[in-house]
Amino acid sequence: MSNNELVSLGSLGVASLLATAFLINSWRKRKTRPPLYAAIVVVVVAAGAIVVALLGVPYRQVTGTAFIVEMLVVLVSARTDRRPR
């Protein structure tokens, strides 16, 4: 693996853990389910992307797609968490 691949996968892991920390903090404050579900999905997507990249898929496709999916998960979580009931 090249240095670029390691940096890219490392930044994906760090960004995912940071997003998960924010989502768990939100869950602890509000006691609603969407942030907890989103945190689980973010961790699973990041772990899957890293494993797929290590198996040989081009890392640029994997990290880009994983970042986009994780951002969408966080946005959907925020939207469903604040929906009036």
PDB file of N, CA and C in Angstrom:
ATOM      1  N   MET A   1       0.840  -1.183   0.000  1.00  0.00           N
ATOM      2  CA  MET A   1       0.000   0.000   0.000  1.00  0.00           C
ATOM      3  C   MET A   1       0.884   1.244   0.000  1.00  0.00           C
ATOM      4  N   SER A   2       0.434   2.225  -0.735  1.00  0.00           N
ATOM      5  CA  SER A   2       1.197   3.464  -0.803  1.00  0.00           C
ATOM      6  C   SER A   2       0.839   4.361   0.380  1.00  0.00           C
ATOM      7  N   ASN A   3       1.610   5.401   0.525  1.00  0.00           N
ATOM      8  CA  ASN A   3       1.382   6.353   1.610  1.00  0.00           C
ATOM      9  C   ASN A   3       0.040   7.065   1.438  1.00  0.00           C
ATOM     10  N   ASN A   4      -0.322   7.377   0.186  1.00  0.00           N
ATOM     11  CA  ASN A   4      -1.606   8.042  -0.069  1.00  0.00           C
ATOM     12  C   ASN A   4      -2.778   7.176   0.374  1.00  0.00           C
ATOM     13  N   GLU A   5      -2.689   5.892   0.119  1.00  0.00           N
ATOM     14  CA  GLU A   5      -3.759   4.983   0.529  1.00  0.00           C
ATOM     15  C   GLU A   5      -3.891   4.933   2.041  1.00  0.00           C
ATOM     16  N   LEU A   6      -2.766   4.863   2.713  1.00  0.00           N
ATOM     17  CA  LEU A   6      -2.806   4.811   4.175  1.00  0.00           C
ATOM     18  C   LEU A   6      -3.369   6.098   4.776  1.00  0.00           C
ATOM     19  N   VAL A   7      -2.983   7.233   4.229  1.00  0.00           N
ATOM     20  CA  VAL A   7      -3.495   8.515   4.713  1.00  0.00           C
ATOM     21  C   VAL A   7      -4.995   8.620   4.458  1.00  0.00           C
ATOM     22  N   SER A   8      -5.424   8.199   3.294  1.00  0.00           N
ATOM     23  CA  SER A   8      -6.843   8.266   2.945  1.00  0.00           C
ATOM     24  C   SER A   8      -7.678   7.359   3.837  1.00  0.00           C
ATOM     25  N   LEU A   9      -7.238   6.145   4.043  1.00  0.00           N
ATOM     26  CA  LEU A   9      -7.972   5.225   4.911  1.00  0.00           C
ATOM     27  C   LEU A   9      -7.916   5.670   6.368  1.00  0.00           C
ATOM     28  N   GLY A  10      -6.803   6.232   6.781  1.00  0.00           N
ATOM     29  CA  GLY A  10      -6.693   6.754   8.145  1.00  0.00           C
ATOM     30  C   GLY A  10      -7.620   7.933   8.371  1.00  0.00           C
ATOM     31  N   SER A  11      -7.706   8.815   7.390  1.00  0.00           N
ATOM     32  CA  SER A  11      -8.609   9.957   7.537  1.00  0.00           C
ATOM     33  C   SER A  11     -10.064   9.508   7.526  1.00  0.00           C
ATOM     34  N   LEU A  12     -10.388   8.477   6.765  1.00  0.00           N
ATOM     35  CA  LEU A  12     -11.742   7.924   6.786  1.00  0.00           C
ATOM     36  C   LEU A  12     -12.069   7.378   8.168  1.00  0.00           C
ATOM     37  N   GLY A  13     -11.136   6.656   8.747  1.00  0.00           N
ATOM     38  CA  GLY A  13     -11.358   6.106  10.083  1.00  0.00           C
ATOM     39  C   GLY A  13     -11.510   7.179  11.139  1.00  0.00           C
ATOM     40  N   VAL A  14     -10.662   8.191  11.110  1.00  0.00           N
ATOM     41  CA  VAL A  14     -10.730   9.276  12.094  1.00  0.00           C
ATOM     42  C   VAL A  14     -12.017  10.078  11.938  1.00  0.00           C
ATOM     43  N   ALA A  15     -12.382  10.406  10.705  1.00  0.00           N
ATOM     44  CA  ALA A  15     -13.609  11.162  10.464  1.00  0.00           C
ATOM     45  C   ALA A  15     -14.835  10.369  10.900  1.00  0.00           C
ATOM     46  N   SER A  16     -14.814   9.079  10.666  1.00  0.00           N
ATOM     47  CA  SER A  16     -15.944   8.240  11.071  1.00  0.00           C
ATOM     48  C   SER A  16     -16.056   8.148  12.586  1.00  0.00           C
ATOM     49  N   LEU A  17     -14.936   8.009  13.254  1.00  0.00           N
ATOM     50  CA  LEU A  17     -14.971   7.959  14.723  1.00  0.00           C
ATOM     51  C   LEU A  17     -15.419   9.291  15.307  1.00  0.00           C
ATOM     52  N   LEU A  18     -15.016  10.391  14.705  1.00  0.00           N
ATOM     53  CA  LEU A  18     -15.443  11.705  15.173  1.00  0.00           C
ATOM     54  C   LEU A  18     -16.953  11.882  14.979  1.00  0.00           C
ATOM     55  N   ALA A  19     -17.458  11.491  13.808  1.00  0.00           N
ATOM     56  CA  ALA A  19     -18.895  11.574  13.567  1.00  0.00           C
ATOM     57  C   ALA A  19     -19.664  10.680  14.525  1.00  0.00           C
ATOM     58  N   THR A  20     -19.138   9.494  14.791  1.00  0.00           N
ATOM     59  CA  THR A  20     -19.782   8.584  15.733  1.00  0.00           C
ATOM     60  C   THR A  20     -19.806   9.175  17.128  1.00  0.00           C
ATOM     61  N   ALA A  21     -18.733   9.832  17.528  1.00  0.00           N
ATOM     62  CA  ALA A  21     -18.695  10.452  18.856  1.00  0.00           C
ATOM     63  C   ALA A  21     -19.756  11.546  18.981  1.00  0.00           C
ATOM     64  N   PHE A  22     -19.900  12.355  17.944  1.00  0.00           N
ATOM     65  CA  PHE A  22     -20.932  13.401  17.970  1.00  0.00           C
ATOM     66  C   PHE A  22     -22.329  12.803  18.014  1.00  0.00           C
ATOM     67  N   LEU A  23     -22.549  11.745  17.257  1.00  0.00           N
ATOM     68  CA  LEU A  23     -23.865  11.114  17.232  1.00  0.00           C
ATOM     69  C   LEU A  23     -24.201  10.458  18.575  1.00  0.00           C
ATOM     70  N   ILE A  24     -23.233   9.824  19.198  1.00  0.00           N
ATOM     71  CA  ILE A  24     -23.482   9.205  20.508  1.00  0.00           C
ATOM     72  C   ILE A  24     -23.729  10.279  21.556  1.00  0.00           C
ATOM     73  N   ASN A  25     -23.018  11.387  21.471  1.00  0.00           N
ATOM     74  CA  ASN A  25     -23.265  12.494  22.388  1.00  0.00           C
ATOM     75  C   ASN A  25     -24.685  13.036  22.215  1.00  0.00           C
ATOM     76  N   SER A  26     -25.133  13.160  20.975  1.00  0.00           N
ATOM     77  CA  SER A  26     -26.491  13.609  20.699  1.00  0.00           C
ATOM     78  C   SER A  26     -27.511  12.614  21.246  1.00  0.00           C
ATOM     79  N   TRP A  27     -27.224  11.343  21.089  1.00  0.00           N
ATOM     80  CA  TRP A  27     -28.126  10.311  21.607  1.00  0.00           C
ATOM     81  C   TRP A  27     -28.227  10.376  23.134  1.00  0.00           C
ATOM     82  N   ARG A  28     -27.101  10.593  23.784  1.00  0.00           N
ATOM     83  CA  ARG A  28     -27.109  10.659  25.252  1.00  0.00           C
ATOM     84  C   ARG A  28     -27.901  11.860  25.761  1.00  0.00           C
ATOM     85  N   LYS A  29     -27.864  12.963  25.029  1.00  0.00           N
ATOM     86  CA  LYS A  29     -28.601  14.161  25.446  1.00  0.00           C
ATOM     87  C   LYS A  29     -30.101  14.023  25.207  1.00  0.00           C
ATOM     88  N   ARG A  30     -30.477  13.503  24.034  1.00  0.00           N
ATOM     89  CA  ARG A  30     -31.884  13.497  23.637  1.00  0.00           C
ATOM     90  C   ARG A  30     -32.614  12.202  23.947  1.00  0.00           C
ATOM     91  N   LYS A  31     -31.887  11.099  24.079  1.00  0.00           N
ATOM     92  CA  LYS A  31     -32.475   9.779  24.301  1.00  0.00           C
ATOM     93  C   LYS A  31     -33.435   9.383  23.176  1.00  0.00           C
ATOM     94  N   THR A  32     -33.098   9.733  21.952  1.00  0.00           N
ATOM     95  CA  THR A  32     -33.875   9.318  20.792  1.00  0.00           C
ATOM     96  C   THR A  32     -33.046   8.321  19.990  1.00  0.00           C
ATOM     97  N   ARG A  33     -33.714   7.519  19.200  1.00  0.00           N
ATOM     98  CA  ARG A  33     -33.029   6.434  18.492  1.00  0.00           C
ATOM     99  C   ARG A  33     -32.244   6.832  17.244  1.00  0.00           C
ATOM    100  N   PRO A  34     -32.676   7.806  16.433  1.00  0.00           N
ATOM    101  CA  PRO A  34     -31.964   8.055  15.166  1.00  0.00           C
ATOM    102  C   PRO A  34     -30.457   8.310  15.294  1.00  0.00           C
ATOM    103  N   PRO A  35     -29.974   9.091  16.275  1.00  0.00           N
ATOM    104  CA  PRO A  35     -28.514   9.265  16.344  1.00  0.00           C
ATOM    105  C   PRO A  35     -27.770   7.969  16.671  1.00  0.00           C
ATOM    106  N   LEU A  36     -28.375   7.122  17.479  1.00  0.00           N
ATOM    107  CA  LEU A  36     -27.727   5.849  17.811  1.00  0.00           C
ATOM    108  C   LEU A  36     -27.661   4.947  16.585  1.00  0.00           C
ATOM    109  N   TYR A  37     -28.750   4.863  15.844  1.00  0.00           N
ATOM    110  CA  TYR A  37     -28.752   4.069  14.614  1.00  0.00           C
ATOM    111  C   TYR A  37     -27.748   4.621  13.611  1.00  0.00           C
ATOM    112  N   ALA A  38     -27.691   5.925  13.484  1.00  0.00           N
ATOM    113  CA  ALA A  38     -26.751   6.543  12.549  1.00  0.00           C
ATOM    114  C   ALA A  38     -25.308   6.262  12.959  1.00  0.00           C
ATOM    115  N   ALA A  39     -25.022   6.284  14.251  1.00  0.00           N
ATOM    116  CA  ALA A  39     -23.667   5.996  14.723  1.00  0.00           C
ATOM    117  C   ALA A  39     -23.265   4.568  14.364  1.00  0.00           C
ATOM    118  N   ILE A  40     -24.193   3.642  14.526  1.00  0.00           N
ATOM    119  CA  ILE A  40     -23.901   2.253  14.182  1.00  0.00           C
ATOM    120  C   ILE A  40     -23.653   2.114  12.683  1.00  0.00           C
ATOM    121  N   VAL A  41     -24.472   2.764  11.870  1.00  0.00           N
ATOM    122  CA  VAL A  41     -24.302   2.687  10.413  1.00  0.00           C
ATOM    123  C   VAL A  41     -22.976   3.310   9.985  1.00  0.00           C
ATOM    124  N   VAL A  42     -22.598   4.431  10.600  1.00  0.00           N
ATOM    125  CA  VAL A  42     -21.333   5.096  10.248  1.00  0.00           C
ATOM    126  C   VAL A  42     -20.152   4.178  10.542  1.00  0.00           C
ATOM    127  N   VAL A  43     -20.168   3.522  11.680  1.00  0.00           N
ATOM    128  CA  VAL A  43     -19.062   2.617  12.029  1.00  0.00           C
ATOM    129  C   VAL A  43     -19.020   1.426  11.072  1.00  0.00           C
ATOM    130  N   VAL A  44     -20.173   0.867  10.750  1.00  0.00           N
ATOM    131  CA  VAL A  44     -20.217  -0.292   9.848  1.00  0.00           C
ATOM    132  C   VAL A  44     -19.747   0.095   8.442  1.00  0.00           C
ATOM    133  N   VAL A  45     -20.188   1.243   7.948  1.00  0.00           N
ATOM    134  CA  VAL A  45     -19.775   1.686   6.608  1.00  0.00           C
ATOM    135  C   VAL A  45     -18.265   1.932   6.570  1.00  0.00           C
ATOM    136  N   ALA A  46     -17.732   2.584   7.591  1.00  0.00           N
ATOM    137  CA  ALA A  46     -16.291   2.861   7.625  1.00  0.00           C
ATOM    138  C   ALA A  46     -15.480   1.562   7.691  1.00  0.00           C
ATOM    139  N   ALA A  47     -15.898   0.647   8.562  1.00  0.00           N
ATOM    140  CA  ALA A  47     -15.174  -0.619   8.677  1.00  0.00           C
ATOM    141  C   ALA A  47     -15.254  -1.408   7.373  1.00  0.00           C
ATOM    142  N   GLY A  48     -16.424  -1.429   6.763  1.00  0.00           N
ATOM    143  CA  GLY A  48     -16.571  -2.129   5.486  1.00  0.00           C
ATOM    144  C   GLY A  48     -15.726  -1.514   4.394  1.00  0.00           C
ATOM    145  N   ALA A  49     -15.685  -0.197   4.347  1.00  0.00           N
ATOM    146  CA  ALA A  49     -14.891   0.484   3.323  1.00  0.00           C
ATOM    147  C   ALA A  49     -13.403   0.205   3.502  1.00  0.00           C
ATOM    148  N   ILE A  50     -12.947   0.212   4.727  1.00  0.00           N
ATOM    149  CA  ILE A  50     -11.523  -0.049   4.978  1.00  0.00           C
ATOM    150  C   ILE A  50     -11.167  -1.488   4.603  1.00  0.00           C
ATOM    151  N   VAL A  51     -12.033  -2.426   4.963  1.00  0.00           N
ATOM    152  CA  VAL A  51     -11.774  -3.831   4.618  1.00  0.00           C
ATOM    153  C   VAL A  51     -11.767  -4.022   3.103  1.00  0.00           C
ATOM    154  N   VAL A  52     -12.732  -3.424   2.418  1.00  0.00           N
ATOM    155  CA  VAL A  52     -12.797  -3.557   0.955  1.00  0.00           C
ATOM    156  C   VAL A  52     -11.555  -2.938   0.306  1.00  0.00           C
ATOM    157  N   ALA A  53     -11.103  -1.804   0.827  1.00  0.00           N
ATOM    158  CA  ALA A  53      -9.901  -1.172   0.274  1.00  0.00           C
ATOM    159  C   ALA A  53      -8.672  -2.033   0.521  1.00  0.00           C
ATOM    160  N   LEU A  54      -8.609  -2.670   1.669  1.00  0.00           N
ATOM    161  CA  LEU A  54      -7.469  -3.540   1.952  1.00  0.00           C
ATOM    162  C   LEU A  54      -7.487  -4.806   1.109  1.00  0.00           C
ATOM    163  N   LEU A  55      -8.661  -5.193   0.639  1.00  0.00           N
ATOM    164  CA  LEU A  55      -8.763  -6.378  -0.211  1.00  0.00           C
ATOM    165  C   LEU A  55      -8.382  -6.098  -1.666  1.00  0.00           C
ATOM    166  N   GLY A  56      -8.198  -4.829  -2.027  1.00  0.00           N
ATOM    167  CA  GLY A  56      -7.686  -4.538  -3.347  1.00  0.00           C
ATOM    168  C   GLY A  56      -8.504  -3.605  -4.216  1.00  0.00           C
ATOM    169  N   VAL A  57      -9.680  -3.190  -3.766  1.00  0.00           N
ATOM    170  CA  VAL A  57     -10.473  -2.246  -4.548  1.00  0.00           C
ATOM    171  C   VAL A  57      -9.775  -0.884  -4.484  1.00  0.00           C
ATOM    172  N   PRO A  58      -9.771  -0.108  -5.566  1.00  0.00           N
ATOM    173  CA  PRO A  58      -9.110   1.201  -5.543  1.00  0.00           C
ATOM    174  C   PRO A  58      -9.629   2.084  -4.390  1.00  0.00           C
ATOM    175  N   TYR A  59      -8.714   2.578  -3.604  1.00  0.00           N
ATOM    176  CA  TYR A  59      -9.079   3.277  -2.375  1.00  0.00           C
ATOM    177  C   TYR A  59      -9.844   4.566  -2.634  1.00  0.00           C
ATOM    178  N   ARG A  60      -9.632   5.210  -3.768  1.00  0.00           N
ATOM    179  CA  ARG A  60     -10.338   6.471  -4.045  1.00  0.00           C
ATOM    180  C   ARG A  60     -11.831   6.245  -4.209  1.00  0.00           C
ATOM    181  N   GLN A  61     -12.203   5.170  -4.864  1.00  0.00           N
ATOM    182  CA  GLN A  61     -13.622   4.857  -5.010  1.00  0.00           C
ATOM    183  C   GLN A  61     -14.243   4.524  -3.669  1.00  0.00           C
ATOM    184  N   VAL A  62     -13.531   3.778  -2.877  1.00  0.00           N
ATOM    185  CA  VAL A  62     -14.065   3.312  -1.595  1.00  0.00           C
ATOM    186  C   VAL A  62     -14.208   4.461  -0.604  1.00  0.00           C
ATOM    187  N   THR A  63     -13.172   5.266  -0.457  1.00  0.00           N
ATOM    188  CA  THR A  63     -13.245   6.331   0.545  1.00  0.00           C
ATOM    189  C   THR A  63     -14.230   7.416   0.143  1.00  0.00           C
ATOM    190  N   GLY A  64     -14.269   7.764  -1.127  1.00  0.00           N
ATOM    191  CA  GLY A  64     -15.228   8.775  -1.584  1.00  0.00           C
ATOM    192  C   GLY A  64     -16.661   8.344  -1.359  1.00  0.00           C
ATOM    193  N   THR A  65     -16.964   7.116  -1.742  1.00  0.00           N
ATOM    194  CA  THR A  65     -18.309   6.586  -1.555  1.00  0.00           C
ATOM    195  C   THR A  65     -18.664   6.494  -0.075  1.00  0.00           C
ATOM    196  N   ALA A  66     -17.727   6.051   0.740  1.00  0.00           N
ATOM    197  CA  ALA A  66     -17.995   5.922   2.176  1.00  0.00           C
ATOM    198  C   ALA A  66     -18.254   7.286   2.817  1.00  0.00           C
ATOM    199  N   PHE A  67     -17.474   8.298   2.451  1.00  0.00           N
ATOM    200  CA  PHE A  67     -17.712   9.635   2.993  1.00  0.00           C
ATOM    201  C   PHE A  67     -19.098  10.146   2.617  1.00  0.00           C
ATOM    202  N   ILE A  68     -19.492   9.951   1.370  1.00  0.00           N
ATOM    203  CA  ILE A  68     -20.802  10.422   0.920  1.00  0.00           C
ATOM    204  C   ILE A  68     -21.919   9.686   1.649  1.00  0.00           C
ATOM    205  N   VAL A  69     -21.803   8.382   1.768  1.00  0.00           N
ATOM    206  CA  VAL A  69     -22.832   7.597   2.475  1.00  0.00           C
ATOM    207  C   VAL A  69     -22.923   8.024   3.930  1.00  0.00           C
ATOM    208  N   GLU A  70     -21.797   8.242   4.568  1.00  0.00           N
ATOM    209  CA  GLU A  70     -21.812   8.644   5.973  1.00  0.00           C
ATOM    210  C   GLU A  70     -22.434  10.021   6.150  1.00  0.00           C
ATOM    211  N   MET A  71     -22.148  10.945   5.246  1.00  0.00           N
ATOM    212  CA  MET A  71     -22.773  12.272   5.338  1.00  0.00           C
ATOM    213  C   MET A  71     -24.290  12.174   5.166  1.00  0.00           C
ATOM    214  N   LEU A  72     -24.736  11.357   4.238  1.00  0.00           N
ATOM    215  CA  LEU A  72     -26.173  11.176   4.045  1.00  0.00           C
ATOM    216  C   LEU A  72     -26.834  10.556   5.270  1.00  0.00           C
ATOM    217  N   VAL A  73     -26.172   9.597   5.887  1.00  0.00           N
ATOM    218  CA  VAL A  73     -26.719   8.967   7.095  1.00  0.00           C
ATOM    219  C   VAL A  73     -26.861   9.990   8.209  1.00  0.00           C
ATOM    220  N   VAL A  74     -25.867  10.829   8.401  1.00  0.00           N
ATOM    221  CA  VAL A  74     -25.932  11.853   9.445  1.00  0.00           C
ATOM    222  C   VAL A  74     -27.040  12.863   9.138  1.00  0.00           C
ATOM    223  N   LEU A  75     -27.176  13.261   7.877  1.00  0.00           N
ATOM    224  CA  LEU A  75     -28.225  14.213   7.511  1.00  0.00           C
ATOM    225  C   LEU A  75     -29.620  13.622   7.708  1.00  0.00           C
ATOM    226  N   VAL A  76     -29.806  12.378   7.324  1.00  0.00           N
ATOM    227  CA  VAL A  76     -31.110  11.732   7.523  1.00  0.00           C
ATOM    228  C   VAL A  76     -31.404  11.581   9.008  1.00  0.00           C
ATOM    229  N   SER A  77     -30.389  11.262   9.783  1.00  0.00           N
ATOM    230  CA  SER A  77     -30.574  11.147  11.229  1.00  0.00           C
ATOM    231  C   SER A  77     -31.002  12.471  11.833  1.00  0.00           C
ATOM    232  N   ALA A  78     -30.370  13.543  11.421  1.00  0.00           N
ATOM    233  CA  ALA A  78     -30.735  14.860  11.945  1.00  0.00           C
ATOM    234  C   ALA A  78     -32.141  15.240  11.521  1.00  0.00           C
ATOM    235  N   ARG A  79     -32.513  14.897  10.313  1.00  0.00           N
ATOM    236  CA  ARG A  79     -33.852  15.230   9.823  1.00  0.00           C
ATOM    237  C   ARG A  79     -34.931  14.443  10.570  1.00  0.00           C
ATOM    238  N   THR A  80     -34.725  13.169  10.766  1.00  0.00           N
ATOM    239  CA  THR A  80     -35.746  12.359  11.439  1.00  0.00           C
ATOM    240  C   THR A  80     -35.783  12.607  12.934  1.00  0.00           C
ATOM    241  N   ASP A  81     -34.696  13.064  13.491  1.00  0.00           N
ATOM    242  CA  ASP A  81     -34.657  13.337  14.938  1.00  0.00           C
ATOM    243  C   ASP A  81     -35.446  14.584  15.291  1.00  0.00           C
ATOM    244  N   ARG A  82     -35.553  15.538  14.370  1.00  0.00           N
ATOM    245  CA  ARG A  82     -36.215  16.809  14.666  1.00  0.00           C
ATOM    246  C   ARG A  82     -37.594  16.931  14.029  1.00  0.00           C
ATOM    247  N   ARG A  83     -38.091  15.852  13.497  1.00  0.00           N
ATOM    248  CA  ARG A  83     -39.404  15.890  12.849  1.00  0.00           C
ATOM    249  C   ARG A  83     -40.495  16.087  13.916  1.00  0.00           C
ATOM    250  N   PRO A  84     -41.404  17.046  13.693  1.00  0.00           N
ATOM    251  CA  PRO A  84     -42.482  17.250  14.683  1.00  0.00           C
ATOM    252  C   PRO A  84     -43.408  16.047  14.746  1.00  0.00           C
ATOM    253  N   ARG A  85     -43.883  15.782  15.949  1.00  0.00           N
ATOM    254  CA  ARG A  85     -44.735  14.602  16.138  1.00  0.00           C
ATOM    255  C   ARG A  85     -46.143  14.974  16.435  1.00  0.00           C
TER     256      ARG A  85
END
